[in-house]
Protein backbone atom coordinates (compact mmCIF):
# COMPACT_ATOMS: atom_id res chain seq x y z
CA MET A 1 -140.81 36.74 -7.61
CA ILE A 2 -142.38 39.91 -8.89
CA LEU A 3 -143.41 41.06 -5.43
CA SER A 4 -139.89 40.46 -4.06
CA SER A 5 -138.40 42.28 -7.04
CA LEU A 6 -140.67 45.26 -6.38
CA VAL A 7 -139.62 45.34 -2.78
CA TYR A 8 -135.89 45.10 -3.60
CA ALA A 9 -136.27 47.67 -6.37
CA PHE A 10 -138.08 50.05 -4.08
CA PHE A 11 -135.56 49.98 -1.27
CA GLY A 12 -132.58 49.66 -3.62
CA GLY A 13 -133.76 52.71 -5.56
CA LEU A 14 -134.56 54.64 -2.41
CA ALA A 15 -131.30 53.96 -0.56
CA PRO A 16 -128.87 56.00 -2.71
CA SER A 17 -131.10 59.10 -2.58
CA LEU A 18 -131.58 58.81 1.17
CA VAL A 19 -127.79 58.54 1.66
CA TRP A 20 -127.22 61.75 -0.27
CA LEU A 21 -130.19 63.44 1.44
CA TYR A 22 -128.61 62.64 4.79
CA PHE A 23 -125.38 64.37 3.72
CA LEU A 24 -127.33 67.33 2.36
CA LEU A 25 -129.25 67.78 5.61
CA LYS A 26 -126.03 67.48 7.62
CA GLU A 27 -124.77 70.43 5.58
CA ASP A 28 -127.87 72.33 6.68
CA SER A 29 -127.60 71.45 10.35
CA ARG A 30 -127.21 75.07 11.61
CA CYS A 31 -130.60 76.23 10.33
CA PRO A 32 -132.43 73.02 9.39
CA GLU A 33 -135.51 73.15 7.19
CA PRO A 34 -138.78 71.65 8.47
CA ARG A 35 -138.55 67.87 8.11
CA ARG A 36 -142.17 67.81 6.95
CA LEU A 37 -141.38 70.14 4.08
CA ILE A 38 -138.23 68.20 3.19
CA ALA A 39 -140.32 65.03 3.05
CA LEU A 40 -142.91 66.75 0.83
CA ALA A 41 -140.16 67.94 -1.56
CA PHE A 42 -138.79 64.45 -1.78
CA ILE A 43 -142.18 62.97 -2.49
CA ALA A 44 -142.95 65.67 -5.05
CA GLY A 45 -139.74 64.74 -6.87
CA MET A 46 -140.79 61.04 -6.84
CA ALA A 47 -144.23 61.99 -8.17
CA ALA A 48 -142.63 63.70 -11.19
CA VAL A 49 -141.37 60.42 -12.58
CA PRO A 50 -144.73 58.93 -13.56
CA LEU A 51 -145.48 62.23 -15.20
CA ALA A 52 -142.19 62.21 -17.14
CA LEU A 53 -142.49 58.64 -18.45
CA PRO A 54 -145.43 59.13 -20.91
CA LEU A 55 -143.93 62.43 -22.08
CA GLU A 56 -140.58 60.70 -22.75
CA ILE A 57 -142.27 57.82 -24.53
CA LEU A 58 -144.17 60.36 -26.69
CA ALA A 59 -140.92 62.21 -27.43
CA GLN A 60 -139.21 59.02 -28.49
CA ALA A 61 -142.15 58.06 -30.72
CA ARG A 62 -142.23 61.47 -32.37
CA LEU A 63 -138.53 62.10 -32.65
CA GLY A 64 -137.24 58.55 -33.04
CA GLY A 65 -133.97 57.17 -31.82
CA THR A 66 -132.84 58.31 -28.39
CA PRO A 67 -133.99 61.91 -27.89
CA ILE A 68 -131.53 62.76 -25.16
CA LEU A 69 -132.17 66.53 -25.31
CA ALA A 70 -135.95 66.10 -25.20
CA TRP A 71 -135.69 63.75 -22.19
CA ALA A 72 -133.46 66.22 -20.34
CA ILE A 73 -135.89 69.08 -21.03
CA ILE A 74 -138.82 67.03 -19.75
CA GLU A 75 -137.09 65.94 -16.55
CA GLU A 76 -135.58 69.25 -15.62
CA MET A 77 -138.81 71.16 -16.32
CA LEU A 78 -140.87 68.69 -14.27
CA LYS A 79 -138.52 68.83 -11.32
CA TYR A 80 -138.69 72.60 -11.28
CA LEU A 81 -142.50 72.63 -11.73
CA MET A 82 -142.97 70.22 -8.86
CA ALA A 83 -140.78 72.36 -6.64
CA ALA A 84 -142.58 75.53 -7.75
CA ILE A 85 -146.03 74.07 -7.19
CA PHE A 86 -145.50 72.30 -3.86
CA ILE A 87 -142.51 74.00 -2.13
CA LEU A 88 -140.94 77.27 -3.33
CA TRP A 89 -143.94 79.51 -2.48
CA ARG A 90 -144.08 78.50 1.17
CA ARG A 91 -143.14 80.78 4.03
CA ALA A 92 -140.40 78.41 5.24
CA VAL A 93 -138.46 79.07 2.01
CA ASP A 94 -137.24 82.43 3.27
CA GLU A 95 -133.40 82.35 2.75
CA PRO A 96 -131.26 82.04 -0.40
CA PRO A 97 -129.76 78.64 0.62
CA ASP A 98 -133.27 77.23 1.03
CA TYR A 99 -133.90 77.35 -2.72
CA VAL A 100 -130.84 75.19 -3.39
CA ILE A 101 -131.64 72.69 -0.65
CA TYR A 102 -135.23 72.16 -1.73
CA MET A 103 -134.33 71.86 -5.41
CA MET A 104 -131.74 69.26 -4.55
CA THR A 105 -134.21 67.40 -2.38
CA VAL A 106 -136.78 67.28 -5.18
CA ALA A 107 -134.01 66.00 -7.44
CA LEU A 108 -133.14 63.24 -4.98
CA GLY A 109 -136.83 62.17 -4.87
CA PHE A 110 -136.93 62.08 -8.67
CA ALA A 111 -133.72 60.07 -8.79
CA ALA A 112 -135.11 57.63 -6.17
CA ALA A 113 -138.18 56.83 -8.24
CA GLU A 114 -136.12 56.62 -11.46
CA ASN A 115 -133.63 54.29 -9.76
CA MET A 116 -136.51 51.97 -8.81
CA LEU A 117 -137.52 51.65 -12.43
CA PHE A 118 -134.00 50.90 -13.55
CA LEU A 119 -133.53 48.28 -10.83
CA PHE A 120 -136.86 46.45 -11.38
CA ALA A 121 -136.03 44.99 -14.84
CA PRO A 122 -132.77 43.16 -13.90
CA LEU A 123 -134.13 42.07 -10.51
CA SER A 124 -137.36 40.70 -11.95
CA ALA A 125 -135.27 38.67 -14.42
CA GLY A 126 -133.25 37.21 -11.56
CA ARG A 127 -130.07 39.07 -12.55
CA LEU A 128 -129.09 40.16 -9.03
CA ALA A 129 -125.50 41.01 -9.91
CA LEU A 130 -126.64 43.38 -12.64
CA GLY A 131 -129.11 44.88 -10.26
CA PHE A 132 -126.45 45.67 -7.69
CA PHE A 133 -124.14 47.00 -10.43
CA THR A 134 -126.96 49.26 -11.64
CA SER A 135 -127.62 50.48 -8.12
CA ASP A 136 -123.92 51.33 -7.58
CA GLN A 137 -123.66 53.02 -10.95
CA ARG A 138 -126.67 55.22 -10.33
CA PHE A 139 -125.48 56.03 -6.79
CA MET A 140 -122.17 57.28 -8.24
CA GLY A 141 -123.55 58.98 -11.41
CA ALA A 142 -127.20 59.45 -12.28
CA THR A 143 -128.46 60.35 -8.82
CA LEU A 144 -125.76 63.04 -8.47
CA LEU A 145 -126.47 64.26 -11.96
CA HIS A 146 -130.03 65.10 -10.97
CA VAL A 147 -128.81 66.84 -7.84
CA ILE A 148 -126.26 68.94 -9.80
CA ALA A 149 -128.71 69.94 -12.51
CA SER A 150 -131.47 70.98 -10.10
CA SER A 151 -128.98 72.77 -7.85
CA VAL A 152 -128.19 75.08 -10.75
CA VAL A 153 -131.82 76.15 -10.86
CA GLY A 154 -131.77 76.52 -7.03
CA PHE A 155 -128.75 78.83 -7.25
CA ALA A 156 -130.48 80.90 -9.98
CA LEU A 157 -133.45 81.31 -7.63
CA ALA A 158 -131.19 82.06 -4.64
CA LEU A 159 -129.07 84.68 -6.35
CA SER A 160 -132.08 86.43 -7.93
CA ARG A 161 -134.18 86.39 -4.78
CA ALA A 162 -134.15 90.15 -4.34
CA ALA A 163 -134.20 90.94 -8.06
CA HIS A 164 -137.00 92.46 -10.11
CA PRO A 165 -139.58 89.73 -11.06
CA LEU A 166 -138.68 90.01 -14.74
CA ARG A 167 -134.97 89.52 -14.02
CA ARG A 168 -135.85 86.62 -11.77
CA ILE A 169 -137.76 84.98 -14.58
CA PHE A 170 -134.71 85.33 -16.84
CA ALA A 171 -132.51 83.94 -14.09
CA VAL A 172 -134.71 80.81 -13.76
CA ILE A 173 -134.80 80.32 -17.50
CA ALA A 174 -130.96 80.59 -17.66
CA GLY A 175 -130.72 78.08 -14.81
CA LEU A 176 -133.01 75.65 -16.53
CA ILE A 177 -131.09 75.97 -19.80
CA LEU A 178 -127.83 75.23 -17.98
CA ALA A 179 -129.37 72.33 -16.09
CA ILE A 180 -130.67 70.84 -19.36
CA ALA A 181 -127.25 71.30 -20.98
CA LEU A 182 -125.51 69.51 -18.16
CA HIS A 183 -128.06 66.69 -18.14
CA THR A 184 -127.76 66.28 -21.92
CA ALA A 185 -123.95 66.30 -21.85
CA PHE A 186 -123.81 63.59 -19.21
CA ASN A 187 -126.22 61.29 -20.94
CA THR A 188 -124.48 61.82 -24.25
CA ILE A 189 -121.18 60.77 -22.75
CA ILE A 190 -122.70 57.76 -20.94
CA MET A 191 -124.40 56.48 -24.04
CA GLN A 192 -121.15 56.21 -25.93
CA ASN A 193 -121.06 52.73 -24.26
CA SER A 194 -117.33 52.72 -23.54
CA GLY A 195 -115.63 52.28 -20.18
CA ALA A 196 -113.45 55.39 -20.75
CA SER A 197 -116.48 57.57 -21.50
CA THR A 198 -118.33 56.29 -18.38
CA LEU A 199 -115.33 57.12 -16.20
CA ASP A 200 -115.11 60.60 -17.81
CA ALA A 201 -118.76 61.19 -17.06
CA PHE A 202 -118.45 60.07 -13.48
CA PHE A 203 -115.28 62.21 -13.02
CA LEU A 204 -117.10 65.30 -14.36
CA VAL A 205 -120.07 64.63 -12.10
CA TRP A 206 -117.94 64.33 -8.96
CA VAL A 207 -116.06 67.52 -9.87
CA ALA A 208 -119.38 69.27 -10.27
CA VAL A 209 -120.57 67.88 -6.89
CA VAL A 210 -117.56 69.42 -5.14
CA VAL A 211 -118.22 72.74 -6.86
CA VAL A 212 -121.96 72.62 -5.97
CA PHE A 213 -121.36 71.92 -2.27
CA ALA A 214 -118.60 74.53 -2.10
CA ALA A 215 -120.96 77.08 -3.64
CA LEU A 216 -123.66 76.14 -1.19
CA GLU A 217 -121.25 76.57 1.72
CA THR A 218 -120.19 79.97 0.37
CA LEU A 219 -123.86 81.03 0.03
CA LYS A 220 -124.53 79.96 3.62
CA TYR A 221 -121.38 81.69 4.83
CA PHE A 222 -122.35 85.07 3.41
CA ARG A 223 -125.88 84.68 4.80
CA TYR A 224 -125.01 83.66 8.31
CA ARG A 225 -121.52 85.21 8.90
CA ASP A 226 -122.87 88.21 10.85
CA LEU A 227 -125.36 86.29 13.01
CA PRO A 228 -124.61 85.19 16.53
CA PRO A 229 -123.79 81.50 17.04
CA ASN A 230 -126.71 79.11 17.22
CA THR A 231 -129.06 81.46 15.51
CA CYS A 232 -130.50 81.52 12.00
């Protein structure tokens, strides 16, 4: 039972992130990033979850209750650090849209591993219906929240790419603060435990997704508008 629950949780948690990753890569079809580096970014995001868990447990023990802000800080900082350590310094990250794409990919990897943890408990208890409901809910909300929050940091990096190093540091700090604020706001609304608040949170997330993808398209348009077709 435990083995089968682990398998279902693994694939059930992975599926939503892979679906969104497919759409993200379709958006980048003109000048696709190396698939090896995309895979590394995704795995780096997944690896951030076991690092986040003990820190979140420690934060809850020290602060008591449900330290939503502390959890948001831990998760957003770790996603950025994993991207900075494994991805952002590489030669392939050479255009402004690349920063957004890789930050979003790291976020999808983080969401995939987090989804697995959320799915394992109901599945291991034999509550399949709850497991499917949890998967759908995270596909619609939590997974996209991670993408939105990390994309803000990606845009901060993209827009400050040519700036003085000190200004770039301030841009990244501002991006992280905004990402943490968005993350905290979503979780605060969700934890009100009412149907209306959940719908409000999902509505805000989907509006933000539209804005993020529109901003990414705008960024790519201004980068590639003067290039000949089929070139990067």
